[in-house]
Amino acid sequence: MKTEKEIKDFFEKVEAIQNGHFILSSGKRSKIYCQCSKLFEDPRNGEMVCEELKYRVQENIDDEIDYVISPALGGLLVGYELARSLGSKFIFYERVNNEFELRRGFNIRENANVLFVEDVITTGKSTNECLEKLKPLNVNLLGIAAIVDRSNHKLFKDHNVISVLKLDIPIYDPDNLPDDLNKIPATKPGSRVI
């Protein structure tokens, strides 16, 4: 298992951690953005990061994981690679008319053991939307995992976030920015339209 410093240095080297003025998918602003897709530009890097996440998941979850479930778009690569590594099935939620749905004929059997996986968790909005959709399916949610947990407080009632990297990065409302952010043009790097 790698140290937090080794992981953070690697993320900065491959530009998975970026500095600037960013509009997050929640509409809030940040000086730092986690672009985890950069980790998968070289598949060997993606495999290494997901092996690290697998190790941490297995430290926290003893049960066999039947399904890894992720939201499109950000969670697809990490969800797929983690499921492959765990020997689990992989399915994903997609946004249709601004609502998450399981499409493409995906079904989850009742009482299946599920791990929900994201690339980055900040406010937990996408994760919570998907978890609401999972509730009526009568599955056993074993945990929530992410490559990067940048939440500033506990987001999920029954689960802590299992992550490769935990970052405490301040986020700001757009009408309450620090002076240094006001001087930098904002960019919207994520996949969700606000």
Protein backbone atom coordinates (compact mmCIF):
# COMPACT_ATOMS: atom_id res chain seq x y z
CA MET A 1 0.00 0.00 0.00
CA LYS A 2 1.33 3.42 -0.95
CA THR A 3 1.56 6.36 1.44
CA GLU A 4 -0.74 9.36 1.08
CA LYS A 5 2.23 11.52 0.01
CA GLU A 6 3.26 9.00 -2.70
CA ILE A 7 -0.31 8.92 -4.00
CA LYS A 8 -0.74 12.70 -3.97
CA ASP A 9 2.63 13.22 -5.71
CA PHE A 10 1.66 10.68 -8.39
CA PHE A 11 -1.76 12.34 -8.91
CA GLU A 12 -0.07 15.72 -9.37
CA LYS A 13 2.49 14.23 -11.78
CA VAL A 14 -0.22 12.82 -14.09
CA GLU A 15 -2.36 15.98 -13.65
CA ALA A 16 -5.16 14.17 -11.85
CA ILE A 17 -4.90 17.04 -9.33
CA GLN A 18 -5.08 20.42 -11.04
CA ASN A 19 -4.89 24.01 -9.76
CA GLY A 20 -6.95 26.98 -11.01
CA HIS A 21 -10.54 28.22 -10.68
CA PHE A 22 -12.99 25.41 -11.27
CA ILE A 23 -16.77 25.18 -11.42
CA LEU A 24 -17.72 21.86 -9.82
CA SER A 25 -20.68 19.76 -10.97
CA SER A 26 -22.59 21.06 -7.91
CA GLY A 27 -22.13 24.64 -9.17
CA LYS A 28 -19.77 25.44 -6.30
CA ARG A 29 -16.21 26.63 -6.92
CA SER A 30 -12.78 25.29 -6.00
CA LYS A 31 -9.07 26.14 -6.39
CA ILE A 32 -8.26 22.46 -6.90
CA TYR A 33 -9.89 19.99 -9.28
CA CYS A 34 -9.53 16.21 -9.28
CA GLN A 35 -9.52 15.03 -12.90
CA CYS A 36 -9.35 11.29 -12.27
CA SER A 37 -9.76 10.49 -15.95
CA LYS A 38 -6.08 11.51 -16.30
CA LEU A 39 -5.24 8.44 -14.18
CA PHE A 40 -6.69 6.21 -16.89
CA GLU A 41 -4.91 7.87 -19.83
CA ASP A 42 -2.26 5.18 -19.29
CA PRO A 43 -4.19 1.98 -18.47
CA ARG A 44 -1.29 0.77 -16.29
CA ASN A 45 -1.80 3.80 -14.04
CA GLY A 46 -5.55 3.13 -13.85
CA GLU A 47 -4.89 -0.49 -12.96
CA MET A 48 -2.42 0.54 -10.24
CA VAL A 49 -4.82 3.07 -8.69
CA CYS A 50 -7.70 0.56 -8.76
CA GLU A 51 -5.50 -2.10 -7.14
CA GLU A 52 -4.85 0.42 -4.37
CA LEU A 53 -8.60 1.03 -4.05
CA LYS A 54 -9.27 -2.73 -4.10
CA TYR A 55 -6.87 -3.22 -1.19
CA ARG A 56 -8.67 -0.54 0.84
CA VAL A 57 -12.12 -1.95 -0.03
CA GLN A 58 -11.04 -5.42 1.07
CA GLU A 59 -9.73 -3.97 4.34
CA ASN A 60 -13.23 -2.63 5.07
CA ILE A 61 -15.58 -5.17 3.47
CA ASP A 62 -15.42 -8.89 4.21
CA ASP A 63 -18.45 -9.98 2.14
CA GLU A 64 -18.22 -11.02 -1.50
CA ILE A 65 -19.21 -8.15 -3.79
CA ASP A 66 -21.68 -9.25 -6.47
CA TYR A 67 -21.93 -5.91 -8.28
CA VAL A 68 -19.88 -2.77 -8.54
CA ILE A 69 -22.19 0.07 -9.55
CA SER A 70 -21.08 3.50 -10.73
CA PRO A 71 -22.61 6.64 -12.23
CA ALA A 72 -21.72 7.62 -15.79
CA LEU A 73 -19.57 9.35 -16.74
CA GLY A 74 -16.92 9.84 -14.07
CA GLY A 75 -17.36 6.49 -12.33
CA LEU A 76 -17.23 4.29 -15.44
CA LEU A 77 -13.51 3.65 -15.68
CA VAL A 78 -12.86 3.18 -11.97
CA GLY A 79 -16.01 1.07 -11.55
CA TYR A 80 -15.16 -1.21 -14.45
CA GLU A 81 -11.52 -1.68 -13.48
CA LEU A 82 -12.37 -2.28 -9.81
CA ALA A 83 -15.09 -4.81 -10.72
CA ARG A 84 -12.64 -6.60 -13.04
CA SER A 85 -10.07 -6.74 -10.26
CA LEU A 86 -12.60 -7.97 -7.67
CA GLY A 87 -14.19 -10.53 -10.01
CA SER A 88 -17.57 -8.78 -9.67
CA LYS A 89 -20.17 -7.75 -12.22
CA PHE A 90 -20.24 -4.10 -13.27
CA ILE A 91 -23.23 -1.94 -14.17
CA PHE A 92 -23.75 1.78 -14.29
CA TYR A 93 -26.34 4.50 -13.99
CA GLU A 94 -26.82 7.05 -16.78
CA ARG A 95 -28.59 10.40 -16.73
CA VAL A 96 -31.79 10.46 -18.79
CA ASN A 97 -33.75 13.71 -18.66
CA ASN A 98 -31.61 14.73 -15.67
CA GLU A 99 -32.47 11.54 -13.71
CA PHE A 100 -30.20 8.56 -13.11
CA GLU A 101 -31.48 5.30 -14.62
CA LEU A 102 -30.20 1.79 -15.15
CA ARG A 103 -30.43 1.23 -18.91
CA ARG A 104 -29.02 -1.22 -21.46
CA GLY A 105 -30.93 -4.11 -19.92
CA PHE A 106 -29.01 -3.93 -16.62
CA ASN A 107 -30.74 -5.74 -13.76
CA ILE A 108 -29.64 -6.43 -10.20
CA ARG A 109 -30.88 -9.52 -8.45
CA GLU A 110 -32.63 -8.99 -5.12
CA ASN A 111 -30.37 -9.23 -2.04
CA ALA A 112 -27.22 -8.84 -4.16
CA ASN A 113 -24.15 -7.41 -2.41
CA VAL A 114 -23.36 -4.04 -3.97
CA LEU A 115 -20.39 -1.68 -3.80
CA PHE A 116 -21.08 1.81 -5.11
CA VAL A 117 -18.01 3.44 -6.72
CA GLU A 118 -17.28 6.99 -7.91
CA ASP A 119 -14.16 8.66 -9.23
CA VAL A 120 -14.45 11.69 -6.90
CA ILE A 121 -16.92 12.41 -4.12
CA THR A 122 -17.27 16.07 -3.15
CA THR A 123 -20.86 16.88 -2.14
CA GLY A 124 -22.24 13.35 -2.62
CA LYS A 125 -25.03 14.61 -4.89
CA SER A 126 -24.61 12.04 -7.69
CA THR A 127 -23.97 9.23 -5.24
CA ASN A 128 -27.08 10.05 -3.21
CA GLU A 129 -29.20 10.28 -6.37
CA CYS A 130 -28.06 6.79 -7.40
CA LEU A 131 -28.44 5.35 -3.89
CA GLU A 132 -32.07 6.56 -3.86
CA LYS A 133 -32.62 4.60 -7.08
CA LEU A 134 -31.04 1.49 -5.50
CA LYS A 135 -33.29 1.51 -2.39
CA PRO A 136 -36.40 -0.05 -4.00
CA LEU A 137 -34.26 -2.79 -5.59
CA ASN A 138 -33.71 -4.49 -2.20
CA VAL A 139 -29.95 -4.86 -2.47
CA ASN A 140 -27.31 -4.99 0.27
CA LEU A 141 -25.21 -1.84 -0.01
CA LEU A 142 -21.88 -2.95 1.45
CA GLY A 143 -20.06 0.33 0.98
CA ILE A 144 -19.24 3.44 -0.98
CA ALA A 145 -15.80 3.88 -2.53
CA ALA A 146 -14.02 6.54 -4.56
CA ILE A 147 -10.58 7.22 -5.88
CA VAL A 148 -10.71 10.63 -4.18
CA ASP A 149 -12.85 11.64 -1.22
CA ARG A 150 -12.83 15.41 -1.06
CA SER A 151 -15.92 15.75 1.12
CA ASN A 152 -15.54 17.93 4.19
CA HIS A 153 -17.96 16.00 6.40
CA LYS A 154 -19.80 12.66 6.68
CA LEU A 155 -22.15 12.51 3.68
CA PHE A 156 -23.77 9.10 4.01
CA LYS A 157 -25.67 7.95 7.08
CA ASP A 158 -24.60 4.31 7.16
CA HIS A 159 -21.27 4.38 5.28
CA ASN A 160 -17.94 6.11 5.33
CA VAL A 161 -16.24 6.64 1.99
CA ILE A 162 -13.44 4.17 1.26
CA SER A 163 -10.87 6.02 -0.84
CA VAL A 164 -7.34 5.99 -2.18
CA LEU A 165 -6.88 9.66 -1.32
CA LYS A 166 -8.69 11.91 1.16
CA LEU A 167 -8.33 15.62 0.38
CA ASP A 168 -9.65 18.50 2.46
CA ILE A 169 -10.19 21.11 -0.24
CA PRO A 170 -12.36 24.14 0.51
CA ILE A 171 -15.30 24.75 -1.82
CA TYR A 172 -17.01 28.10 -2.25
CA ASP A 173 -20.37 29.44 -3.30
CA PRO A 174 -20.04 31.39 -6.57
CA ASP A 175 -21.18 34.62 -4.88
CA ASN A 176 -18.71 34.24 -1.99
CA LEU A 177 -15.31 33.63 -3.62
CA PRO A 178 -11.94 34.52 -2.11
CA ASP A 179 -10.16 37.39 -3.89
CA ASP A 180 -7.56 35.17 -5.57
CA LEU A 181 -10.28 33.05 -7.25
CA ASN A 182 -12.12 36.16 -8.45
CA LYS A 183 -8.97 37.10 -10.42
CA ILE A 184 -8.84 33.80 -12.35
CA PRO A 185 -11.28 32.86 -15.15
CA ALA A 186 -13.45 29.90 -14.13
CA THR A 187 -13.47 26.67 -16.12
CA LYS A 188 -16.02 23.82 -16.01
CA PRO A 189 -14.03 20.60 -16.48
CA GLY A 190 -16.64 18.04 -15.34
CA SER A 191 -19.14 16.07 -17.43
CA ARG A 192 -22.40 17.23 -15.85
CA VAL A 193 -24.20 20.28 -17.23
CA ILE A 194 -25.31 22.61 -14.46
